[in-house]
């Protein structure tokens, strides 16, 4: 996934069209990252690693931790309706937010439950967006506002399915629930005015799925393939 940041510096042959992207430095140093769950975390770790090699900086926009009922501890979600096990996420946790705090990354926490555009941090992110070299989106709970995409540098999004299949939430679970024998990840270009998980396909990687493959096996394969 991180190697595709270099694609932002030149013309790229898409699946159906040829698109001229805005010029960028060959090794993006300032990266604006949007994400919040375990899928995001795998990509964020790789982005931070690559950025630090060139003396770069990563700023993160992430949702708050899901609420936990008063008097109850965070618990693993039920796996009763999932294909052979639950993903390694825990209700009431914020893996990306925790990672930012542990590693001293500057982060904006979206404070609106449903809309980034209505969040108080949207203006702060918008005012700083043009100062970045690249925008990376991965499993972000929110729709990125068009106003932000217009001001931000070229944006790419990693989605853990072979788009256009399984747009939206839970693509990894849907891939297994439907019994697919082939899954994968997609990296697309984000632009204003498009629907969720729509855009020119920059790259897709396929992953074979054995009949006995469960979520505990496929989840890390898909997230690591997307981050690579």
C-alpha atoms as a PDB file:
ATOM      1  CA  UNK A   1       0.000   0.000   0.000  1.00  0.00           C
ATOM      2  CA  UNK A   2       2.688   2.467   0.978  1.00  0.00           C
ATOM      3  CA  UNK A   3       4.510   1.966  -2.302  1.00  0.00           C
ATOM      4  CA  UNK A   4       1.472   3.466  -4.064  1.00  0.00           C
ATOM      5  CA  UNK A   5       2.225   6.865  -2.551  1.00  0.00           C
ATOM      6  CA  UNK A   6       4.829   7.171  -5.289  1.00  0.00           C
ATOM      7  CA  UNK A   7       2.046   6.882  -7.875  1.00  0.00           C
ATOM      8  CA  UNK A   8       0.863  10.323  -6.830  1.00  0.00           C
ATOM      9  CA  UNK A   9       3.850  11.875  -8.616  1.00  0.00           C
ATOM     10  CA  UNK A  10       3.071  10.739 -12.146  1.00  0.00           C
ATOM     11  CA  UNK A  11       0.369   9.641 -14.575  1.00  0.00           C
ATOM     12  CA  UNK A  12      -1.076   6.265 -13.674  1.00  0.00           C
ATOM     13  CA  UNK A  13      -2.908   3.779 -15.881  1.00  0.00           C
ATOM     14  CA  UNK A  14      -6.171   2.935 -14.133  1.00  0.00           C
ATOM     15  CA  UNK A  15      -8.424  -0.017 -14.672  1.00  0.00           C
ATOM     16  CA  UNK A  16     -10.625   1.915 -17.088  1.00  0.00           C
ATOM     17  CA  UNK A  17      -9.164   5.415 -17.413  1.00  0.00           C
ATOM     18  CA  UNK A  18      -5.908   7.327 -17.425  1.00  0.00           C
ATOM     19  CA  UNK A  19      -5.802  10.049 -14.797  1.00  0.00           C
ATOM     20  CA  UNK A  20      -3.321  12.893 -14.348  1.00  0.00           C
ATOM     21  CA  UNK A  21      -2.685  13.393 -10.631  1.00  0.00           C
ATOM     22  CA  UNK A  22      -1.472  16.533  -8.919  1.00  0.00           C
ATOM     23  CA  UNK A  23       2.330  16.682  -8.635  1.00  0.00           C
ATOM     24  CA  UNK A  24       3.849  15.657  -5.330  1.00  0.00           C
ATOM     25  CA  UNK A  25       7.271  15.148  -3.865  1.00  0.00           C
ATOM     26  CA  UNK A  26       8.597  11.675  -4.729  1.00  0.00           C
ATOM     27  CA  UNK A  27       8.834  10.725  -1.043  1.00  0.00           C
ATOM     28  CA  UNK A  28       5.861  12.291   0.753  1.00  0.00           C
ATOM     29  CA  UNK A  29       7.028  13.625   4.121  1.00  0.00           C
ATOM     30  CA  UNK A  30       3.834  15.047   5.603  1.00  0.00           C
ATOM     31  CA  UNK A  31       0.971  12.568   5.486  1.00  0.00           C
ATOM     32  CA  UNK A  32      -2.618  13.104   6.620  1.00  0.00           C
ATOM     33  CA  UNK A  33      -4.096   9.760   7.709  1.00  0.00           C
ATOM     34  CA  UNK A  34      -7.769   8.899   8.317  1.00  0.00           C
ATOM     35  CA  UNK A  35      -8.732   5.654  10.085  1.00  0.00           C
ATOM     36  CA  UNK A  36      -9.763   4.121  13.362  1.00  0.00           C
ATOM     37  CA  UNK A  37      -9.907   0.324  13.681  1.00  0.00           C
ATOM     38  CA  UNK A  38      -7.602  -2.706  13.463  1.00  0.00           C
ATOM     39  CA  UNK A  39      -7.705  -2.614   9.661  1.00  0.00           C
ATOM     40  CA  UNK A  40      -6.520   0.997   9.789  1.00  0.00           C
ATOM     41  CA  UNK A  41      -3.861   0.227  12.381  1.00  0.00           C
ATOM     42  CA  UNK A  42      -1.920  -2.175  10.160  1.00  0.00           C
ATOM     43  CA  UNK A  43      -1.686   0.451   7.414  1.00  0.00           C
ATOM     44  CA  UNK A  44      -0.949   3.291   9.844  1.00  0.00           C
ATOM     45  CA  UNK A  45       2.012   1.393  11.300  1.00  0.00           C
ATOM     46  CA  UNK A  46       3.473   0.918   7.829  1.00  0.00           C
ATOM     47  CA  UNK A  47       2.861   4.553   6.863  1.00  0.00           C
ATOM     48  CA  UNK A  48       4.562   5.793  10.042  1.00  0.00           C
ATOM     49  CA  UNK A  49       7.505   3.457   9.495  1.00  0.00           C
ATOM     50  CA  UNK A  50       8.039   4.629   5.913  1.00  0.00           C
ATOM     51  CA  UNK A  51       7.551   8.287   6.833  1.00  0.00           C
ATOM     52  CA  UNK A  52      10.092   8.167   9.646  1.00  0.00           C
ATOM     53  CA  UNK A  53      12.706   6.788   7.259  1.00  0.00           C
ATOM     54  CA  UNK A  54      12.640  10.069   5.332  1.00  0.00           C
ATOM     55  CA  UNK A  55      12.241  12.295   8.376  1.00  0.00           C
ATOM     56  CA  UNK A  56       8.535  12.698   7.740  1.00  0.00           C
ATOM     57  CA  UNK A  57       5.488  13.429   9.844  1.00  0.00           C
ATOM     58  CA  UNK A  58       2.100  11.690  10.080  1.00  0.00           C
ATOM     59  CA  UNK A  59      -0.993  13.405  11.471  1.00  0.00           C
ATOM     60  CA  UNK A  60      -3.999  11.204  12.193  1.00  0.00           C
ATOM     61  CA  UNK A  61      -7.755  11.826  12.187  1.00  0.00           C
ATOM     62  CA  UNK A  62      -9.648   9.084  14.019  1.00  0.00           C
ATOM     63  CA  UNK A  63     -13.067   8.444  15.615  1.00  0.00           C
ATOM     64  CA  UNK A  64     -13.527   8.159  19.375  1.00  0.00           C
ATOM     65  CA  UNK A  65     -13.670   4.775  21.059  1.00  0.00           C
ATOM     66  CA  UNK A  66     -17.119   3.146  20.839  1.00  0.00           C
ATOM     67  CA  UNK A  67     -19.046   3.717  24.079  1.00  0.00           C
ATOM     68  CA  UNK A  68     -19.115   1.003  26.727  1.00  0.00           C
ATOM     69  CA  UNK A  69     -22.134   0.640  28.993  1.00  0.00           C
ATOM     70  CA  UNK A  70     -21.579   1.982  32.521  1.00  0.00           C
ATOM     71  CA  UNK A  71     -20.456  -0.741  34.890  1.00  0.00           C
ATOM     72  CA  UNK A  72     -19.440  -3.086  32.081  1.00  0.00           C
ATOM     73  CA  UNK A  73     -15.994  -3.944  30.822  1.00  0.00           C
ATOM     74  CA  UNK A  74     -15.094  -3.911  27.158  1.00  0.00           C
ATOM     75  CA  UNK A  75     -15.813  -7.352  25.754  1.00  0.00           C
ATOM     76  CA  UNK A  76     -15.202  -9.213  22.564  1.00  0.00           C
ATOM     77  CA  UNK A  77     -18.160  -9.169  20.187  1.00  0.00           C
ATOM     78  CA  UNK A  78     -20.260 -12.260  19.821  1.00  0.00           C
ATOM     79  CA  UNK A  79     -19.104 -14.593  17.078  1.00  0.00           C
ATOM     80  CA  UNK A  80     -22.433 -16.382  16.768  1.00  0.00           C
ATOM     81  CA  UNK A  81     -23.336 -14.770  13.448  1.00  0.00           C
ATOM     82  CA  UNK A  82     -19.808 -14.495  12.065  1.00  0.00           C
ATOM     83  CA  UNK A  83     -18.062 -17.036   9.836  1.00  0.00           C
ATOM     84  CA  UNK A  84     -15.915 -19.132  12.151  1.00  0.00           C
ATOM     85  CA  UNK A  85     -14.745 -16.619  14.733  1.00  0.00           C
ATOM     86  CA  UNK A  86     -14.675 -12.886  15.364  1.00  0.00           C
ATOM     87  CA  UNK A  87     -12.078 -10.367  14.191  1.00  0.00           C
ATOM     88  CA  UNK A  88      -9.435  -9.270  16.688  1.00  0.00           C
ATOM     89  CA  UNK A  89     -11.211  -6.069  17.681  1.00  0.00           C
ATOM     90  CA  UNK A  90     -12.719  -5.299  21.060  1.00  0.00           C
ATOM     91  CA  UNK A  91     -15.801  -3.211  21.771  1.00  0.00           C
ATOM     92  CA  UNK A  92     -14.980   0.017  23.628  1.00  0.00           C
ATOM     93  CA  UNK A  93     -11.403   0.243  22.334  1.00  0.00           C
ATOM     94  CA  UNK A  94      -9.711   2.688  19.989  1.00  0.00           C
ATOM     95  CA  UNK A  95      -6.656   0.986  18.452  1.00  0.00           C
ATOM     96  CA  UNK A  96      -5.601   3.921  16.247  1.00  0.00           C
ATOM     97  CA  UNK A  97      -6.112   6.479  19.016  1.00  0.00           C
ATOM     98  CA  UNK A  98      -4.154   4.316  21.434  1.00  0.00           C
ATOM     99  CA  UNK A  99      -1.315   3.905  18.934  1.00  0.00           C
ATOM    100  CA  UNK A 100      -1.118   7.678  18.422  1.00  0.00           C
ATOM    101  CA  UNK A 101      -0.867   8.307  22.157  1.00  0.00           C
ATOM    102  CA  UNK A 102       1.741   5.583  22.653  1.00  0.00           C
ATOM    103  CA  UNK A 103       3.948   6.898  19.823  1.00  0.00           C
ATOM    104  CA  UNK A 104       3.427  10.625  20.281  1.00  0.00           C
ATOM    105  CA  UNK A 105       1.634  11.196  16.990  1.00  0.00           C
ATOM    106  CA  UNK A 106      -0.414  14.338  16.569  1.00  0.00           C
ATOM    107  CA  UNK A 107      -4.055  13.316  16.255  1.00  0.00           C
ATOM    108  CA  UNK A 108      -7.509  14.825  15.816  1.00  0.00           C
ATOM    109  CA  UNK A 109     -10.391  12.905  17.396  1.00  0.00           C
ATOM    110  CA  UNK A 110     -13.692  13.361  15.586  1.00  0.00           C
ATOM    111  CA  UNK A 111     -16.280  14.356  18.186  1.00  0.00           C
ATOM    112  CA  UNK A 112     -19.474  13.777  16.196  1.00  0.00           C
ATOM    113  CA  UNK A 113     -20.996  10.269  16.195  1.00  0.00           C
ATOM    114  CA  UNK A 114     -22.091  10.256  12.543  1.00  0.00           C
ATOM    115  CA  UNK A 115     -20.568  13.113  10.552  1.00  0.00           C
ATOM    116  CA  UNK A 116     -17.008  14.341  10.186  1.00  0.00           C
ATOM    117  CA  UNK A 117     -18.326  17.472   8.472  1.00  0.00           C
ATOM    118  CA  UNK A 118     -20.297  18.340  11.622  1.00  0.00           C
ATOM    119  CA  UNK A 119     -17.388  17.662  13.953  1.00  0.00           C
ATOM    120  CA  UNK A 120     -15.664  20.565  15.680  1.00  0.00           C
ATOM    121  CA  UNK A 121     -12.287  19.282  14.451  1.00  0.00           C
ATOM    122  CA  UNK A 122     -13.244  19.451  10.766  1.00  0.00           C
ATOM    123  CA  UNK A 123     -12.307  23.122  10.558  1.00  0.00           C
ATOM    124  CA  UNK A 124      -8.919  22.480  12.181  1.00  0.00           C
ATOM    125  CA  UNK A 125      -8.146  19.661   9.763  1.00  0.00           C
ATOM    126  CA  UNK A 126      -9.413  21.705   6.809  1.00  0.00           C
ATOM    127  CA  UNK A 127      -7.183  24.672   7.647  1.00  0.00           C
ATOM    128  CA  UNK A 128      -4.090  22.444   7.809  1.00  0.00           C
ATOM    129  CA  UNK A 129      -4.920  20.083   4.914  1.00  0.00           C
ATOM    130  CA  UNK A 130      -3.021  21.962   2.215  1.00  0.00           C
ATOM    131  CA  UNK A 131       0.234  21.693   4.189  1.00  0.00           C
ATOM    132  CA  UNK A 132       0.431  17.913   3.673  1.00  0.00           C
ATOM    133  CA  UNK A 133       2.041  16.001   0.820  1.00  0.00           C
ATOM    134  CA  UNK A 134      -0.359  13.033   0.689  1.00  0.00           C
ATOM    135  CA  UNK A 135      -3.651  11.856   2.154  1.00  0.00           C
ATOM    136  CA  UNK A 136      -4.176   8.226   3.161  1.00  0.00           C
ATOM    137  CA  UNK A 137      -7.571   6.796   4.122  1.00  0.00           C
ATOM    138  CA  UNK A 138      -8.103   3.307   5.504  1.00  0.00           C
ATOM    139  CA  UNK A 139     -11.259   1.937   7.095  1.00  0.00           C
ATOM    140  CA  UNK A 140     -12.458   5.352   8.182  1.00  0.00           C
ATOM    141  CA  UNK A 141     -15.842   5.294   9.897  1.00  0.00           C
ATOM    142  CA  UNK A 142     -16.828   8.612   8.352  1.00  0.00           C
ATOM    143  CA  UNK A 143     -17.403   9.894   4.838  1.00  0.00           C
ATOM    144  CA  UNK A 144     -14.598  12.369   4.065  1.00  0.00           C
ATOM    145  CA  UNK A 145     -16.234  15.757   3.314  1.00  0.00           C
ATOM    146  CA  UNK A 146     -15.818  17.063  -0.230  1.00  0.00           C
ATOM    147  CA  UNK A 147     -14.588  20.382   1.174  1.00  0.00           C
ATOM    148  CA  UNK A 148     -11.696  18.581   2.821  1.00  0.00           C
ATOM    149  CA  UNK A 149     -10.833  16.486  -0.244  1.00  0.00           C
ATOM    150  CA  UNK A 150     -10.671  19.673  -2.331  1.00  0.00           C
ATOM    151  CA  UNK A 151      -8.113  21.244   0.019  1.00  0.00           C
ATOM    152  CA  UNK A 152      -6.101  18.133   0.867  1.00  0.00           C
ATOM    153  CA  UNK A 153      -3.313  16.701  -1.316  1.00  0.00           C
ATOM    154  CA  UNK A 154      -4.087  13.671  -3.533  1.00  0.00           C
ATOM    155  CA  UNK A 155      -5.888  10.997  -1.515  1.00  0.00           C
ATOM    156  CA  UNK A 156      -5.779   7.216  -1.751  1.00  0.00           C
ATOM    157  CA  UNK A 157      -7.954   4.741   0.106  1.00  0.00           C
ATOM    158  CA  UNK A 158      -7.241   1.102   0.983  1.00  0.00           C
ATOM    159  CA  UNK A 159     -10.370  -1.057   1.129  1.00  0.00           C
ATOM    160  CA  UNK A 160     -10.113  -4.769   2.073  1.00  0.00           C
ATOM    161  CA  UNK A 161     -12.184  -6.194  -0.765  1.00  0.00           C
ATOM    162  CA  UNK A 162     -11.983  -6.496  -4.525  1.00  0.00           C
ATOM    163  CA  UNK A 163     -13.991  -3.383  -5.326  1.00  0.00           C
ATOM    164  CA  UNK A 164     -16.647  -2.811  -6.475  1.00  0.00           C
ATOM    165  CA  UNK A 165     -17.627  -5.852  -4.382  1.00  0.00           C
ATOM    166  CA  UNK A 166     -18.511  -5.195  -0.753  1.00  0.00           C
ATOM    167  CA  UNK A 167     -18.346  -1.434  -0.625  1.00  0.00           C
ATOM    168  CA  UNK A 168     -19.001   0.063   2.794  1.00  0.00           C
ATOM    169  CA  UNK A 169     -18.610  -1.514   6.203  1.00  0.00           C
ATOM    170  CA  UNK A 170     -17.385  -5.044   7.053  1.00  0.00           C
ATOM    171  CA  UNK A 171     -15.991  -6.128   3.653  1.00  0.00           C
ATOM    172  CA  UNK A 172     -13.767  -8.804   5.225  1.00  0.00           C
ATOM    173  CA  UNK A 173     -16.699 -10.388   7.026  1.00  0.00           C
ATOM    174  CA  UNK A 174     -18.878 -10.210   3.902  1.00  0.00           C
ATOM    175  CA  UNK A 175     -16.198 -11.935   1.827  1.00  0.00           C
ATOM    176  CA  UNK A 176     -16.251 -14.942   4.164  1.00  0.00           C
ATOM    177  CA  UNK A 177     -19.967 -14.855   4.915  1.00  0.00           C
ATOM    178  CA  UNK A 178     -20.757 -15.240   1.214  1.00  0.00           C
ATOM    179  CA  UNK A 179     -18.339 -18.136   0.833  1.00  0.00           C
ATOM    180  CA  UNK A 180     -16.042 -16.453  -1.688  1.00  0.00           C
ATOM    181  CA  UNK A 181     -13.015 -18.493  -2.717  1.00  0.00           C
ATOM    182  CA  UNK A 182     -11.098 -15.346  -3.632  1.00  0.00           C
ATOM    183  CA  UNK A 183     -10.815 -12.124  -1.683  1.00  0.00           C
ATOM    184  CA  UNK A 184      -8.366  -9.287  -1.757  1.00  0.00           C
ATOM    185  CA  UNK A 185      -7.679  -5.612  -1.242  1.00  0.00           C
ATOM    186  CA  UNK A 186      -8.088  -2.518  -3.410  1.00  0.00           C
ATOM    187  CA  UNK A 187      -6.386   0.861  -3.428  1.00  0.00           C
ATOM    188  CA  UNK A 188      -8.434   3.606  -5.055  1.00  0.00           C
ATOM    189  CA  UNK A 189      -8.083   7.311  -5.713  1.00  0.00           C
ATOM    190  CA  UNK A 190     -10.479   9.508  -3.722  1.00  0.00           C
ATOM    191  CA  UNK A 191     -12.003  12.612  -5.276  1.00  0.00           C
ATOM    192  CA  UNK A 192     -14.816  15.005  -4.313  1.00  0.00           C
ATOM    193  CA  UNK A 193     -18.317  14.127  -5.449  1.00  0.00           C
ATOM    194  CA  UNK A 194     -17.985  10.335  -5.348  1.00  0.00           C
ATOM    195  CA  UNK A 195     -19.921   7.783  -3.315  1.00  0.00           C
ATOM    196  CA  UNK A 196     -18.340   5.792  -0.477  1.00  0.00           C
ATOM    197  CA  UNK A 197     -15.520   3.486  -1.651  1.00  0.00           C
ATOM    198  CA  UNK A 198     -15.792   4.672  -5.255  1.00  0.00           C
ATOM    199  CA  UNK A 199     -12.930   5.958  -7.390  1.00  0.00           C
ATOM    200  CA  UNK A 200     -10.351   4.939  -9.973  1.00  0.00           C
ATOM    201  CA  UNK A 201      -8.666   1.667  -9.021  1.00  0.00           C
ATOM    202  CA  UNK A 202      -4.909   2.086  -8.613  1.00  0.00           C
ATOM    203  CA  UNK A 203      -4.138  -1.482  -7.613  1.00  0.00           C
ATOM    204  CA  UNK A 204      -5.801  -4.709  -6.510  1.00  0.00           C
ATOM    205  CA  UNK A 205      -4.254  -7.765  -4.892  1.00  0.00           C
ATOM    206  CA  UNK A 206      -6.099 -11.058  -4.764  1.00  0.00           C
ATOM    207  CA  UNK A 207      -5.987 -13.545  -1.896  1.00  0.00           C
ATOM    208  CA  UNK A 208      -7.028 -17.187  -2.258  1.00  0.00           C
ATOM    209  CA  UNK A 209      -9.449 -18.364   0.436  1.00  0.00           C
ATOM    210  CA  UNK A 210      -9.517 -22.045   1.338  1.00  0.00           C
ATOM    211  CA  UNK A 211     -12.872 -23.601   2.306  1.00  0.00           C
ATOM    212  CA  UNK A 212     -11.695 -24.000   5.911  1.00  0.00           C
ATOM    213  CA  UNK A 213     -10.316 -20.452   6.215  1.00  0.00           C
ATOM    214  CA  UNK A 214     -11.895 -18.523   9.102  1.00  0.00           C
ATOM    215  CA  UNK A 215     -11.865 -14.876  10.137  1.00  0.00           C
ATOM    216  CA  UNK A 216      -8.959 -15.277  12.536  1.00  0.00           C
ATOM    217  CA  UNK A 217      -6.812 -16.469   9.631  1.00  0.00           C
ATOM    218  CA  UNK A 218      -8.122 -14.235   6.857  1.00  0.00           C
ATOM    219  CA  UNK A 219      -8.331 -10.949   8.800  1.00  0.00           C
ATOM    220  CA  UNK A 220      -4.562 -10.516   9.330  1.00  0.00           C
ATOM    221  CA  UNK A 221      -3.832 -11.705   5.786  1.00  0.00           C
ATOM    222  CA  UNK A 222      -6.128  -9.078   4.307  1.00  0.00           C
ATOM    223  CA  UNK A 223      -4.985  -6.209   6.533  1.00  0.00           C
ATOM    224  CA  UNK A 224      -1.293  -6.948   6.003  1.00  0.00           C
ATOM    225  CA  UNK A 225      -1.779  -7.300   2.242  1.00  0.00           C
ATOM    226  CA  UNK A 226      -3.405  -3.885   2.196  1.00  0.00           C
ATOM    227  CA  UNK A 227      -0.621  -2.297   4.230  1.00  0.00           C
ATOM    228  CA  UNK A 228       2.259  -3.861   2.278  1.00  0.00           C
END
